[in-house]
Amino acid sequence: MTKNGSRAVVVENVRRMPVRMATVDLTGDYEGWNFTARVGLKMGEYEALMDFVDRESSMRESLAEMKCILARQLVSWNFVDEDGDAIPPDADGIDELPLDLLAACFTSLMGVIGKSPLASVAK
């Protein structure tokens, strides 16, 4: 039984929830750099994102939240460090990014997510 009293039905290997992804090409100083992220957010993720957008927080809290959101959605990227070595596309890799690159990634991701059908309902 589930929390609301309905029975859970298990369907094995018949179909899967589609995962909507987008590859974002950056511009300016990061021309040629890109990342791929999940942009089809689950409702709970979308609500948490809207809470973040609406909330006034300190710069430290905002950066920590941006890092968490990006790390959860990130699939891959072609980012390299000053030596040309690949930066892993995860939370540790995000720690290696300059602030302007993190901001460009987050802003671009928000722009793509903002084109979702739910975003037009929320306006």
Protein backbone atom coordinates (compact mmCIF):
# COMPACT_ATOMS: atom_id res chain seq x y z
CA MET A 1 0.00 0.00 0.00
CA THR A 2 1.12 3.55 -0.66
CA LYS A 3 0.78 6.47 1.74
CA ASN A 4 -2.63 7.40 0.35
CA GLY A 5 -3.93 3.83 0.57
CA SER A 6 -3.76 2.96 -3.13
CA ARG A 7 -2.01 -0.16 -4.28
CA ALA A 8 1.31 0.20 -6.05
CA VAL A 9 1.41 -1.58 -9.38
CA VAL A 10 4.79 -2.81 -10.57
CA VAL A 11 5.22 -2.94 -14.34
CA GLU A 12 8.45 -4.61 -15.37
CA ASN A 13 10.41 -3.42 -18.42
CA VAL A 14 7.35 -2.32 -20.38
CA ARG A 15 8.22 1.34 -20.66
CA ARG A 16 10.21 4.04 -18.93
CA MET A 17 9.66 7.67 -18.13
CA PRO A 18 11.32 9.72 -20.88
CA VAL A 19 14.29 11.80 -19.78
CA ARG A 20 14.32 15.13 -21.60
CA MET A 21 17.82 16.54 -22.02
CA ALA A 22 19.30 19.53 -23.77
CA THR A 23 22.81 20.43 -24.85
CA VAL A 24 23.60 24.06 -24.18
CA ASP A 25 26.32 25.84 -26.16
CA LEU A 26 27.96 28.67 -24.25
CA THR A 27 29.05 31.94 -25.85
CA GLY A 28 31.54 34.73 -25.20
CA ASP A 29 34.74 33.67 -23.43
CA TYR A 30 33.40 30.11 -23.37
CA GLU A 31 32.60 29.80 -27.09
CA GLY A 32 32.91 26.10 -28.02
CA TRP A 33 32.17 24.94 -24.48
CA ASN A 34 28.92 23.07 -23.89
CA PHE A 35 27.11 20.94 -21.40
CA THR A 36 24.22 18.49 -21.48
CA ALA A 37 21.69 18.50 -18.67
CA ARG A 38 18.36 16.97 -17.78
CA VAL A 39 15.73 19.66 -18.38
CA GLY A 40 12.54 17.66 -17.85
CA LEU A 41 12.28 18.30 -14.13
CA LYS A 42 10.11 16.23 -11.82
CA MET A 43 7.44 18.25 -10.03
CA GLY A 44 9.31 18.25 -6.71
CA GLU A 45 12.49 19.44 -8.43
CA TYR A 46 10.56 22.20 -10.20
CA GLU A 47 8.98 23.34 -6.92
CA ALA A 48 12.40 23.43 -5.23
CA LEU A 49 13.77 25.43 -8.15
CA MET A 50 10.92 27.95 -7.95
CA ASP A 51 11.46 28.24 -4.18
CA PHE A 52 15.11 29.04 -4.89
CA VAL A 53 14.23 31.65 -7.51
CA ASP A 54 11.66 33.32 -5.24
CA ARG A 55 13.74 33.23 -2.04
CA GLU A 56 16.09 35.98 -0.96
CA SER A 57 19.30 34.40 0.29
CA SER A 58 22.89 35.27 0.96
CA MET A 59 25.45 34.92 -1.83
CA ARG A 60 26.90 31.86 -0.08
CA GLU A 61 23.49 30.15 0.13
CA SER A 62 22.71 31.05 -3.48
CA LEU A 63 25.99 29.63 -4.77
CA ALA A 64 25.55 26.43 -2.77
CA GLU A 65 22.02 26.00 -4.13
CA MET A 66 23.14 26.76 -7.71
CA LYS A 67 25.83 24.10 -7.35
CA CYS A 68 23.35 21.50 -6.06
CA ILE A 69 20.78 22.22 -8.78
CA LEU A 70 23.39 22.08 -11.55
CA ALA A 71 25.00 18.90 -10.17
CA ARG A 72 21.60 17.13 -10.02
CA GLN A 73 20.74 17.99 -13.62
CA LEU A 74 24.20 17.70 -15.23
CA VAL A 75 24.83 14.78 -17.59
CA SER A 76 28.08 15.75 -19.34
CA TRP A 77 30.23 18.64 -20.49
CA ASN A 78 33.39 19.32 -22.47
CA PHE A 79 35.05 21.52 -19.80
CA VAL A 80 38.80 21.43 -19.22
CA ASP A 81 41.11 23.08 -16.72
CA GLU A 82 44.08 25.41 -17.39
CA ASP A 83 46.24 22.39 -18.33
CA GLY A 84 43.66 21.03 -20.79
CA ASP A 85 42.67 18.17 -18.50
CA ALA A 86 38.99 17.20 -18.40
CA ILE A 87 37.00 18.48 -15.44
CA PRO A 88 34.57 15.82 -14.16
CA PRO A 89 30.89 16.78 -14.69
CA ASP A 90 29.87 16.44 -11.05
CA ALA A 91 29.77 18.43 -7.81
CA ASP A 92 33.56 18.18 -7.39
CA GLY A 93 34.06 19.43 -10.94
CA ILE A 94 31.69 22.32 -10.33
CA ASP A 95 33.98 23.38 -7.47
CA GLU A 96 36.77 23.81 -10.05
CA LEU A 97 34.77 26.22 -12.24
CA PRO A 98 35.34 29.95 -12.21
CA LEU A 99 32.33 31.83 -10.89
CA ASP A 100 31.49 33.39 -14.28
CA LEU A 101 31.36 29.94 -15.90
CA LEU A 102 29.14 28.57 -13.12
CA ALA A 103 26.82 31.56 -13.53
CA ALA A 104 26.73 31.11 -17.33
CA CYS A 105 25.85 27.41 -16.94
CA PHE A 106 23.15 28.05 -14.37
CA THR A 107 21.62 30.96 -16.30
CA SER A 108 21.62 28.93 -19.53
CA LEU A 109 20.07 25.93 -17.77
CA MET A 110 17.35 28.12 -16.27
CA GLY A 111 16.64 29.53 -19.73
CA VAL A 112 16.12 26.05 -21.18
CA ILE A 113 14.04 24.88 -18.20
CA GLY A 114 12.01 28.08 -18.47
CA LYS A 115 10.84 26.94 -21.93
CA SER A 116 9.07 23.94 -20.41
CA PRO A 117 5.26 23.69 -20.69
CA LEU A 118 4.92 24.11 -16.92
CA ALA A 119 6.80 27.41 -17.02
CA SER A 120 4.13 28.95 -19.25
CA VAL A 121 1.42 27.88 -16.79
CA ALA A 122 3.33 29.36 -13.84
CA LYS A 123 3.46 32.88 -15.31
